[in-house]
All heavy atoms as atom14 arrays in JSON, in Angstrom:
{
  "sequence": "HALQTADVADASPDPAARAVWRPRHLGVRGLVWRLRDDRRLLSY",
  "atom14_mask": [
    [1, 1, 1, 1, 1, 1, 1, 1, 1, 1, 0, 0, 0, 0],
    [1, 1, 1, 1, 1, 0, 0, 0, 0, 0, 0, 0, 0, 0],
    [1, 1, 1, 1, 1, 1, 1, 1, 0, 0, 0, 0, 0, 0],
    [1, 1, 1, 1, 1, 1, 1, 1, 1, 0, 0, 0, 0, 0],
    [1, 1, 1, 1, 1, 1, 1, 0, 0, 0, 0, 0, 0, 0],
    [1, 1, 1, 1, 1, 0, 0, 0, 0, 0, 0, 0, 0, 0],
    [1, 1, 1, 1, 1, 1, 1, 1, 0, 0, 0, 0, 0, 0],
    [1, 1, 1, 1, 1, 1, 1, 0, 0, 0, 0, 0, 0, 0],
    [1, 1, 1, 1, 1, 0, 0, 0, 0, 0, 0, 0, 0, 0],
    [1, 1, 1, 1, 1, 1, 1, 1, 0, 0, 0, 0, 0, 0],
    [1, 1, 1, 1, 1, 0, 0, 0, 0, 0, 0, 0, 0, 0],
    [1, 1, 1, 1, 1, 1, 0, 0, 0, 0, 0, 0, 0, 0],
    [1, 1, 1, 1, 1, 1, 1, 0, 0, 0, 0, 0, 0, 0],
    [1, 1, 1, 1, 1, 1, 1, 1, 0, 0, 0, 0, 0, 0],
    [1, 1, 1, 1, 1, 1, 1, 0, 0, 0, 0, 0, 0, 0],
    [1, 1, 1, 1, 1, 0, 0, 0, 0, 0, 0, 0, 0, 0],
    [1, 1, 1, 1, 1, 0, 0, 0, 0, 0, 0, 0, 0, 0],
    [1, 1, 1, 1, 1, 1, 1, 1, 1, 1, 1, 0, 0, 0],
    [1, 1, 1, 1, 1, 0, 0, 0, 0, 0, 0, 0, 0, 0],
    [1, 1, 1, 1, 1, 1, 1, 0, 0, 0, 0, 0, 0, 0],
    [1, 1, 1, 1, 1, 1, 1, 1, 1, 1, 1, 1, 1, 1],
    [1, 1, 1, 1, 1, 1, 1, 1, 1, 1, 1, 0, 0, 0],
    [1, 1, 1, 1, 1, 1, 1, 0, 0, 0, 0, 0, 0, 0],
    [1, 1, 1, 1, 1, 1, 1, 1, 1, 1, 1, 0, 0, 0],
    [1, 1, 1, 1, 1, 1, 1, 1, 1, 1, 0, 0, 0, 0],
    [1, 1, 1, 1, 1, 1, 1, 1, 0, 0, 0, 0, 0, 0],
    [1, 1, 1, 1, 0, 0, 0, 0, 0, 0, 0, 0, 0, 0],
    [1, 1, 1, 1, 1, 1, 1, 0, 0, 0, 0, 0, 0, 0],
    [1, 1, 1, 1, 1, 1, 1, 1, 1, 1, 1, 0, 0, 0],
    [1, 1, 1, 1, 0, 0, 0, 0, 0, 0, 0, 0, 0, 0],
    [1, 1, 1, 1, 1, 1, 1, 1, 0, 0, 0, 0, 0, 0],
    [1, 1, 1, 1, 1, 1, 1, 0, 0, 0, 0, 0, 0, 0],
    [1, 1, 1, 1, 1, 1, 1, 1, 1, 1, 1, 1, 1, 1],
    [1, 1, 1, 1, 1, 1, 1, 1, 1, 1, 1, 0, 0, 0],
    [1, 1, 1, 1, 1, 1, 1, 1, 0, 0, 0, 0, 0, 0],
    [1, 1, 1, 1, 1, 1, 1, 1, 1, 1, 1, 0, 0, 0],
    [1, 1, 1, 1, 1, 1, 1, 1, 0, 0, 0, 0, 0, 0],
    [1, 1, 1, 1, 1, 1, 1, 1, 0, 0, 0, 0, 0, 0],
    [1, 1, 1, 1, 1, 1, 1, 1, 1, 1, 1, 0, 0, 0],
    [1, 1, 1, 1, 1, 1, 1, 1, 1, 1, 1, 0, 0, 0],
    [1, 1, 1, 1, 1, 1, 1, 1, 0, 0, 0, 0, 0, 0],
    [1, 1, 1, 1, 1, 1, 1, 1, 0, 0, 0, 0, 0, 0],
    [1, 1, 1, 1, 1, 1, 0, 0, 0, 0, 0, 0, 0, 0],
    [1, 1, 1, 1, 1, 1, 1, 1, 1, 1, 1, 1, 0, 0]
  ],
  "atom14_positions": [
    [[0.83, -1.21, 0.0], [0.0, 0.0, 0.0], [0.86, 1.26, 0.0], [0.56, 2.23, -0.7], [-0.92, -0.01, 1.22], [-1.97, -1.07, 1.17], [-2.49, -1.67, 2.29], [-2.58, -1.67, 0.12], [-3.38, -2.58, 1.95], [-3.44, -2.6, 0.63], [0.0, 0.0, 0.0], [0.0, 0.0, 0.0], [0.0, 0.0, 0.0], [0.0, 0.0, 0.0]],
    [[1.95, 1.24, 0.79], [2.83, 2.41, 0.82], [3.52, 2.61, -0.53], [3.68, 3.74, -1.0], [3.88, 2.25, 1.92], [0.0, 0.0, 0.0], [0.0, 0.0, 0.0], [0.0, 0.0, 0.0], [0.0, 0.0, 0.0], [0.0, 0.0, 0.0], [0.0, 0.0, 0.0], [0.0, 0.0, 0.0], [0.0, 0.0, 0.0], [0.0, 0.0, 0.0]],
    [[3.92, 1.51, -1.17], [4.57, 1.62, -2.47], [3.59, 2.14, -3.52], [3.94, 3.0, -4.34], [5.12, 0.25, -2.89], [5.87, 0.19, -4.22], [7.07, 1.12, -4.21], [6.31, -1.25, -4.51], [0.0, 0.0, 0.0], [0.0, 0.0, 0.0], [0.0, 0.0, 0.0], [0.0, 0.0, 0.0], [0.0, 0.0, 0.0], [0.0, 0.0, 0.0]],
    [[2.38, 1.63, -3.5], [1.38, 2.1, -4.45], [1.06, 3.58, -4.21], [0.94, 4.38, -5.17], [0.1, 1.28, -4.33], [-0.97, 1.61, -5.35], [-2.18, 0.73, -5.19], [-3.0, 0.96, -4.3], [-2.3, -0.28, -6.04], [0.0, 0.0, 0.0], [0.0, 0.0, 0.0], [0.0, 0.0, 0.0], [0.0, 0.0, 0.0], [0.0, 0.0, 0.0]],
    [[0.97, 3.97, -2.95], [0.71, 5.37, -2.64], [1.86, 6.25, -3.11], [1.65, 7.35, -3.63], [0.51, 5.54, -1.11], [-0.56, 4.69, -0.68], [0.2, 6.98, -0.76], [0.0, 0.0, 0.0], [0.0, 0.0, 0.0], [0.0, 0.0, 0.0], [0.0, 0.0, 0.0], [0.0, 0.0, 0.0], [0.0, 0.0, 0.0], [0.0, 0.0, 0.0]],
    [[3.09, 5.76, -2.94], [4.25, 6.52, -3.4], [4.23, 6.7, -4.92], [4.55, 7.78, -5.44], [5.53, 5.82, -2.97], [0.0, 0.0, 0.0], [0.0, 0.0, 0.0], [0.0, 0.0, 0.0], [0.0, 0.0, 0.0], [0.0, 0.0, 0.0], [0.0, 0.0, 0.0], [0.0, 0.0, 0.0], [0.0, 0.0, 0.0], [0.0, 0.0, 0.0]],
    [[3.83, 5.67, -5.65], [3.76, 5.76, -7.11], [2.73, 6.8, -7.55], [2.97, 7.58, -8.47], [3.41, 4.39, -7.7], [4.56, 3.4, -7.6], [5.71, 3.85, -7.44], [4.3, 2.18, -7.67], [0.0, 0.0, 0.0], [0.0, 0.0, 0.0], [0.0, 0.0, 0.0], [0.0, 0.0, 0.0], [0.0, 0.0, 0.0], [0.0, 0.0, 0.0]],
    [[1.57, 6.78, -6.89], [0.53, 7.74, -7.24], [0.98, 9.16, -6.89], [0.79, 10.1, -7.67], [-0.78, 7.4, -6.53], [-1.85, 8.43, -6.85], [-1.27, 6.0, -6.93], [0.0, 0.0, 0.0], [0.0, 0.0, 0.0], [0.0, 0.0, 0.0], [0.0, 0.0, 0.0], [0.0, 0.0, 0.0], [0.0, 0.0, 0.0], [0.0, 0.0, 0.0]],
    [[1.6, 9.32, -5.72], [2.08, 10.65, -5.33], [3.13, 11.16, -6.31], [3.13, 12.34, -6.69], [2.67, 10.59, -3.92], [0.0, 0.0, 0.0], [0.0, 0.0, 0.0], [0.0, 0.0, 0.0], [0.0, 0.0, 0.0], [0.0, 0.0, 0.0], [0.0, 0.0, 0.0], [0.0, 0.0, 0.0], [0.0, 0.0, 0.0], [0.0, 0.0, 0.0]],
    [[4.02, 10.28, -6.73], [5.07, 10.68, -7.67], [4.49, 11.1, -9.01], [5.05, 11.95, -9.7], [6.04, 9.52, -7.85], [7.29, 9.92, -8.63], [7.69, 11.09, -8.53], [7.85, 9.06, -9.32], [0.0, 0.0, 0.0], [0.0, 0.0, 0.0], [0.0, 0.0, 0.0], [0.0, 0.0, 0.0], [0.0, 0.0, 0.0], [0.0, 0.0, 0.0]],
    [[3.35, 10.5, -9.4], [2.74, 10.82, -10.68], [1.85, 12.05, -10.61], [1.37, 12.53, -11.65], [1.92, 9.62, -11.18], [0.0, 0.0, 0.0], [0.0, 0.0, 0.0], [0.0, 0.0, 0.0], [0.0, 0.0, 0.0], [0.0, 0.0, 0.0], [0.0, 0.0, 0.0], [0.0, 0.0, 0.0], [0.0, 0.0, 0.0], [0.0, 0.0, 0.0]],
    [[1.62, 12.59, -9.43], [0.77, 13.76, -9.3], [1.52, 15.01, -9.75], [2.75, 15.04, -9.75], [0.31, 13.92, -7.85], [1.4, 14.27, -7.03], [0.0, 0.0, 0.0], [0.0, 0.0, 0.0], [0.0, 0.0, 0.0], [0.0, 0.0, 0.0], [0.0, 0.0, 0.0], [0.0, 0.0, 0.0], [0.0, 0.0, 0.0], [0.0, 0.0, 0.0]],
    [[0.81, 16.08, -10.14], [1.49, 17.3, -10.58], [2.38, 17.92, -9.51], [3.38, 18.55, -9.82], [0.33, 18.22, -10.94], [-0.82, 17.32, -11.21], [-0.64, 16.15, -10.29], [0.0, 0.0, 0.0], [0.0, 0.0, 0.0], [0.0, 0.0, 0.0], [0.0, 0.0, 0.0], [0.0, 0.0, 0.0], [0.0, 0.0, 0.0], [0.0, 0.0, 0.0]],
    [[2.03, 17.73, -8.25], [2.81, 18.34, -7.17], [3.03, 17.31, -6.06], [2.3, 17.28, -5.07], [2.08, 19.56, -6.62], [2.91, 20.3, -5.57], [4.11, 19.98, -5.43], [2.36, 21.19, -4.9], [0.0, 0.0, 0.0], [0.0, 0.0, 0.0], [0.0, 0.0, 0.0], [0.0, 0.0, 0.0], [0.0, 0.0, 0.0], [0.0, 0.0, 0.0]],
    [[4.07, 16.45, -6.19], [4.32, 15.42, -5.16], [4.59, 16.0, -3.78], [4.36, 15.33, -2.77], [5.56, 14.69, -5.7], [5.56, 14.96, -7.16], [5.0, 16.34, -7.31], [0.0, 0.0, 0.0], [0.0, 0.0, 0.0], [0.0, 0.0, 0.0], [0.0, 0.0, 0.0], [0.0, 0.0, 0.0], [0.0, 0.0, 0.0], [0.0, 0.0, 0.0]],
    [[5.1, 17.22, -3.72], [5.42, 17.82, -2.43], [4.23, 18.52, -1.8], [4.38, 19.21, -0.78], [6.57, 18.81, -2.6], [0.0, 0.0, 0.0], [0.0, 0.0, 0.0], [0.0, 0.0, 0.0], [0.0, 0.0, 0.0], [0.0, 0.0, 0.0], [0.0, 0.0, 0.0], [0.0, 0.0, 0.0], [0.0, 0.0, 0.0], [0.0, 0.0, 0.0]],
    [[3.04, 18.36, -2.39], [1.85, 19.02, -1.84], [1.55, 18.55, -0.43], [0.97, 19.28, 0.37], [0.65, 18.77, -2.75], [0.0, 0.0, 0.0], [0.0, 0.0, 0.0], [0.0, 0.0, 0.0], [0.0, 0.0, 0.0], [0.0, 0.0, 0.0], [0.0, 0.0, 0.0], [0.0, 0.0, 0.0], [0.0, 0.0, 0.0], [0.0, 0.0, 0.0]],
    [[1.94, 17.33, -0.1], [1.75, 16.79, 1.24], [3.09, 16.35, 1.8], [3.92, 15.8, 1.08], [0.79, 15.59, 1.22], [-0.62, 15.94, 0.83], [-1.52, 14.71, 0.87], [-2.88, 15.02, 0.51], [-3.79, 15.49, 1.36], [-3.46, 15.67, 2.64], [-5.01, 15.77, 0.96], [0.0, 0.0, 0.0], [0.0, 0.0, 0.0], [0.0, 0.0, 0.0]],
    [[3.29, 16.57, 3.1], [4.53, 16.1, 3.73], [4.57, 14.58, 3.72], [5.63, 13.97, 3.51], [4.63, 16.63, 5.16], [0.0, 0.0, 0.0], [0.0, 0.0, 0.0], [0.0, 0.0, 0.0], [0.0, 0.0, 0.0], [0.0, 0.0, 0.0], [0.0, 0.0, 0.0], [0.0, 0.0, 0.0], [0.0, 0.0, 0.0], [0.0, 0.0, 0.0]],
    [[3.4, 13.96, 3.96], [3.29, 12.5, 3.94], [1.99, 12.13, 3.24], [0.92, 12.59, 3.63], [3.29, 11.91, 5.37], [3.18, 10.39, 5.31], [4.55, 12.31, 6.11], [0.0, 0.0, 0.0], [0.0, 0.0, 0.0], [0.0, 0.0, 0.0], [0.0, 0.0, 0.0], [0.0, 0.0, 0.0], [0.0, 0.0, 0.0], [0.0, 0.0, 0.0]],
    [[2.1, 11.31, 2.23], [0.91, 10.81, 1.53], [0.46, 9.51, 2.2], [1.25, 8.62, 2.47], [1.24, 10.51, 0.07], [1.48, 11.74, -0.77], [2.59, 12.51, -0.79], [0.57, 12.31, -1.72], [2.46, 13.53, -1.69], [1.21, 13.44, -2.29], [-0.71, 11.99, -2.17], [0.62, 14.23, -3.27], [-1.3, 12.77, -3.14], [-0.65, 13.88, -3.68]],
    [[-0.85, 9.43, 2.44], [-1.45, 8.21, 2.98], [-2.44, 7.66, 1.94], [-2.93, 8.4, 1.09], [-2.22, 8.52, 4.27], [-1.39, 9.16, 5.38], [-0.69, 8.12, 6.2], [-0.05, 8.71, 7.4], [0.54, 8.0, 8.33], [0.59, 6.68, 8.24], [1.11, 8.6, 9.37], [0.0, 0.0, 0.0], [0.0, 0.0, 0.0], [0.0, 0.0, 0.0]],
    [[-2.74, 6.37, 1.99], [-3.7, 5.82, 1.02], [-5.02, 6.57, 0.99], [-5.62, 6.73, -0.09], [-3.89, 4.37, 1.51], [-2.58, 4.03, 2.16], [-2.14, 5.3, 2.83], [0.0, 0.0, 0.0], [0.0, 0.0, 0.0], [0.0, 0.0, 0.0], [0.0, 0.0, 0.0], [0.0, 0.0, 0.0], [0.0, 0.0, 0.0], [0.0, 0.0, 0.0]],
    [[-5.45, 7.09, 2.13], [-6.74, 7.79, 2.16], [-6.69, 9.13, 1.43], [-7.74, 9.73, 1.15], [-7.17, 8.0, 3.61], [-6.25, 8.89, 4.42], [-6.79, 9.09, 5.84], [-5.95, 9.96, 6.66], [-4.93, 9.55, 7.39], [-4.62, 8.26, 7.4], [-4.23, 10.41, 8.1], [0.0, 0.0, 0.0], [0.0, 0.0, 0.0], [0.0, 0.0, 0.0]],
    [[-5.48, 9.62, 1.16], [-5.35, 10.91, 0.47], [-5.49, 10.78, -1.05], [-5.62, 11.8, -1.74], [-3.98, 11.53, 0.77], [-3.77, 11.86, 2.2], [-2.53, 11.83, 2.8], [-4.65, 12.22, 3.18], [-2.65, 12.17, 4.08], [-3.93, 12.39, 4.33], [0.0, 0.0, 0.0], [0.0, 0.0, 0.0], [0.0, 0.0, 0.0], [0.0, 0.0, 0.0]],
    [[-5.46, 9.56, -1.58], [-5.37, 9.4, -3.03], [-6.68, 9.66, -3.74], [-6.7, 10.21, -4.84], [-4.88, 7.98, -3.35], [-3.52, 7.61, -2.77], [-3.13, 6.2, -3.21], [-2.45, 8.62, -3.17], [0.0, 0.0, 0.0], [0.0, 0.0, 0.0], [0.0, 0.0, 0.0], [0.0, 0.0, 0.0], [0.0, 0.0, 0.0], [0.0, 0.0, 0.0]],
    [[-7.8, 9.26, -3.14], [-9.09, 9.5, -3.77], [-9.15, 8.9, -5.16], [-8.72, 7.76, -5.41], [0.0, 0.0, 0.0], [0.0, 0.0, 0.0], [0.0, 0.0, 0.0], [0.0, 0.0, 0.0], [0.0, 0.0, 0.0], [0.0, 0.0, 0.0], [0.0, 0.0, 0.0], [0.0, 0.0, 0.0], [0.0, 0.0, 0.0], [0.0, 0.0, 0.0]],
    [[-9.65, 9.69, -6.12], [-9.83, 9.2, -7.47], [-8.49, 8.93, -8.15], [-8.39, 8.09, -9.05], [-10.66, 10.22, -8.3], [-9.86, 11.49, -8.57], [-11.11, 9.58, -9.62], [0.0, 0.0, 0.0], [0.0, 0.0, 0.0], [0.0, 0.0, 0.0], [0.0, 0.0, 0.0], [0.0, 0.0, 0.0], [0.0, 0.0, 0.0], [0.0, 0.0, 0.0]],
    [[-7.42, 9.59, -7.69], [-6.1, 9.32, -8.25], [-5.71, 7.85, -8.01], [-5.1, 7.21, -8.86], [-5.04, 10.23, -7.64], [-5.13, 11.67, -8.11], [-3.96, 12.49, -7.57], [-4.05, 13.86, -7.99], [-3.61, 14.31, -9.17], [-3.07, 13.45, -10.03], [-3.74, 15.56, -9.51], [0.0, 0.0, 0.0], [0.0, 0.0, 0.0], [0.0, 0.0, 0.0]],
    [[-6.05, 7.35, -6.84], [-5.74, 5.96, -6.55], [-6.51, 5.01, -7.45], [-5.96, 4.01, -7.94], [0.0, 0.0, 0.0], [0.0, 0.0, 0.0], [0.0, 0.0, 0.0], [0.0, 0.0, 0.0], [0.0, 0.0, 0.0], [0.0, 0.0, 0.0], [0.0, 0.0, 0.0], [0.0, 0.0, 0.0], [0.0, 0.0, 0.0], [0.0, 0.0, 0.0]],
    [[-7.77, 5.33, -7.72], [-8.57, 4.5, -8.62], [-8.0, 4.52, -10.03], [-7.86, 3.48, -10.69], [-10.02, 5.0, -8.63], [-10.96, 4.3, -9.62], [-11.09, 2.82, -9.27], [-12.33, 4.99, -9.61], [0.0, 0.0, 0.0], [0.0, 0.0, 0.0], [0.0, 0.0, 0.0], [0.0, 0.0, 0.0], [0.0, 0.0, 0.0], [0.0, 0.0, 0.0]],
    [[-7.65, 5.71, -10.5], [-7.08, 5.84, -11.84], [-5.76, 5.08, -11.94], [-5.47, 4.43, -12.95], [-6.89, 7.32, -12.2], [-6.07, 7.47, -13.47], [-8.24, 8.01, -12.36], [0.0, 0.0, 0.0], [0.0, 0.0, 0.0], [0.0, 0.0, 0.0], [0.0, 0.0, 0.0], [0.0, 0.0, 0.0], [0.0, 0.0, 0.0], [0.0, 0.0, 0.0]],
    [[-4.96, 5.12, -10.87], [-3.67, 4.41, -10.89], [-3.88, 2.9, -11.05], [-3.17, 2.24, -11.82], [-2.91, 4.7, -9.6], [-1.6, 3.96, -9.52], [-1.36, 2.81, -8.85], [-0.39, 4.31, -10.17], [-0.06, 2.41, -9.03], [0.57, 3.32, -9.84], [-0.01, 5.35, -11.01], [1.87, 3.36, -10.3], [1.3, 5.4, -11.47], [2.22, 4.41, -11.12]],
    [[-4.85, 2.36, -10.34], [-5.09, 0.93, -10.43], [-5.56, 0.52, -11.83], [-5.33, -0.61, -12.28], [-6.13, 0.5, -9.39], [-5.67, 0.68, -7.95], [-6.71, 0.19, -6.97], [-6.32, 0.41, -5.6], [-6.66, 1.48, -4.89], [-7.43, 2.43, -5.46], [-6.27, 1.63, -3.65], [0.0, 0.0, 0.0], [0.0, 0.0, 0.0], [0.0, 0.0, 0.0]],
    [[-6.23, 1.45, -12.52], [-6.8, 1.14, -13.84], [-5.97, 1.73, -14.98], [-6.41, 1.7, -16.13], [-8.23, 1.69, -13.94], [-9.24, 1.17, -12.91], [-10.56, 1.9, -13.06], [-9.44, -0.33, -13.06], [0.0, 0.0, 0.0], [0.0, 0.0, 0.0], [0.0, 0.0, 0.0], [0.0, 0.0, 0.0], [0.0, 0.0, 0.0], [0.0, 0.0, 0.0]],
    [[-4.78, 2.22, -14.69], [-4.04, 3.04, -15.65], [-3.69, 2.31, -16.94], [-3.5, 2.92, -17.98], [-2.77, 3.58, -15.01], [-1.74, 2.51, -14.65], [-0.64, 3.11, -13.79], [0.4, 2.14, -13.45], [0.3, 1.23, -12.5], [-0.82, 1.15, -11.8], [1.28, 0.39, -12.27], [0.0, 0.0, 0.0], [0.0, 0.0, 0.0], [0.0, 0.0, 0.0]],
    [[-3.57, 0.98, -16.9], [-3.21, 0.23, -18.09], [-4.42, -0.4, -18.79], [-4.25, -1.13, -19.76], [-2.2, -0.87, -17.74], [-0.86, -0.28, -17.32], [-0.47, 0.75, -17.89], [-0.21, -0.86, -16.42], [0.0, 0.0, 0.0], [0.0, 0.0, 0.0], [0.0, 0.0, 0.0], [0.0, 0.0, 0.0], [0.0, 0.0, 0.0], [0.0, 0.0, 0.0]],
    [[-5.61, -0.09, -18.29], [-6.81, -0.64, -18.9], [-7.05, 0.07, -20.25], [-7.11, 1.29, -20.32], [-8.01, -0.42, -17.97], [-9.24, -1.19, -18.43], [-9.69, -0.95, -19.57], [-9.76, -2.01, -17.65], [0.0, 0.0, 0.0], [0.0, 0.0, 0.0], [0.0, 0.0, 0.0], [0.0, 0.0, 0.0], [0.0, 0.0, 0.0], [0.0, 0.0, 0.0]],
    [[-7.19, -0.71, -21.32], [-7.36, -0.11, -22.65], [-8.62, 0.75, -22.75], [-8.65, 1.74, -23.49], [-7.4, -1.22, -23.7], [-6.07, -1.91, -23.9], [-6.12, -2.88, -25.07], [-4.81, -3.43, -25.31], [-3.86, -2.85, -26.04], [-4.1, -1.67, -26.58], [-2.7, -3.43, -26.22], [0.0, 0.0, 0.0], [0.0, 0.0, 0.0], [0.0, 0.0, 0.0]],
    [[-9.62, 0.39, -22.0], [-10.85, 1.19, -22.04], [-10.6, 2.58, -21.48], [-11.13, 3.58, -21.97], [-11.96, 0.48, -21.27], [-12.45, -0.8, -21.96], [-13.34, -1.62, -21.06], [-12.6, -2.12, -19.9], [-13.13, -2.9, -18.97], [-14.41, -3.26, -19.05], [-12.4, -3.33, -17.95], [0.0, 0.0, 0.0], [0.0, 0.0, 0.0], [0.0, 0.0, 0.0]],
    [[-9.76, 2.64, -20.43], [-9.44, 3.95, -19.84], [-8.58, 4.76, -20.8], [-8.76, 5.98, -20.94], [-8.73, 3.75, -18.5], [-8.55, 5.0, -17.64], [-9.9, 5.6, -17.28], [-7.77, 4.67, -16.37], [0.0, 0.0, 0.0], [0.0, 0.0, 0.0], [0.0, 0.0, 0.0], [0.0, 0.0, 0.0], [0.0, 0.0, 0.0], [0.0, 0.0, 0.0]],
    [[-7.64, 4.11, -21.47], [-6.81, 4.82, -22.43], [-7.63, 5.32, -23.62], [-7.38, 6.42, -24.15], [-5.68, 3.91, -22.91], [-4.73, 3.4, -21.83], [-3.67, 2.51, -22.43], [-4.09, 4.56, -21.08], [0.0, 0.0, 0.0], [0.0, 0.0, 0.0], [0.0, 0.0, 0.0], [0.0, 0.0, 0.0], [0.0, 0.0, 0.0], [0.0, 0.0, 0.0]],
    [[-8.61, 4.53, -24.04], [-9.5, 4.99, -25.11], [-10.32, 6.18, -24.66], [-10.59, 7.1, -25.45], [-10.44, 3.84, -25.52], [-9.71, 2.77, -26.06], [0.0, 0.0, 0.0], [0.0, 0.0, 0.0], [0.0, 0.0, 0.0], [0.0, 0.0, 0.0], [0.0, 0.0, 0.0], [0.0, 0.0, 0.0], [0.0, 0.0, 0.0], [0.0, 0.0, 0.0]],
    [[-10.69, 6.18, -23.38], [-11.44, 7.3, -22.83], [-10.61, 8.6, -22.91], [-11.14, 9.66, -23.26], [-11.82, 7.0, -21.38], [-12.47, 8.14, -20.65], [-13.82, 8.43, -20.83], [-11.73, 8.95, -19.78], [-14.42, 9.48, -20.16], [-12.32, 10.0, -19.12], [-13.66, 10.27, -19.31], [-14.25, 11.32, -18.65], [0.0, 0.0, 0.0], [0.0, 0.0, 0.0]]
  ]
}
């Protein structure tokens, strides 16, 4: 979970926006990260 959160934080426009990112901070970004390689999402 921490590694996944770090990946999402790193991909955000401003990784330093939070001193510490927690899974609960990801919101829709976390959902998009999990689906990022889905062809339907890329077509969207």
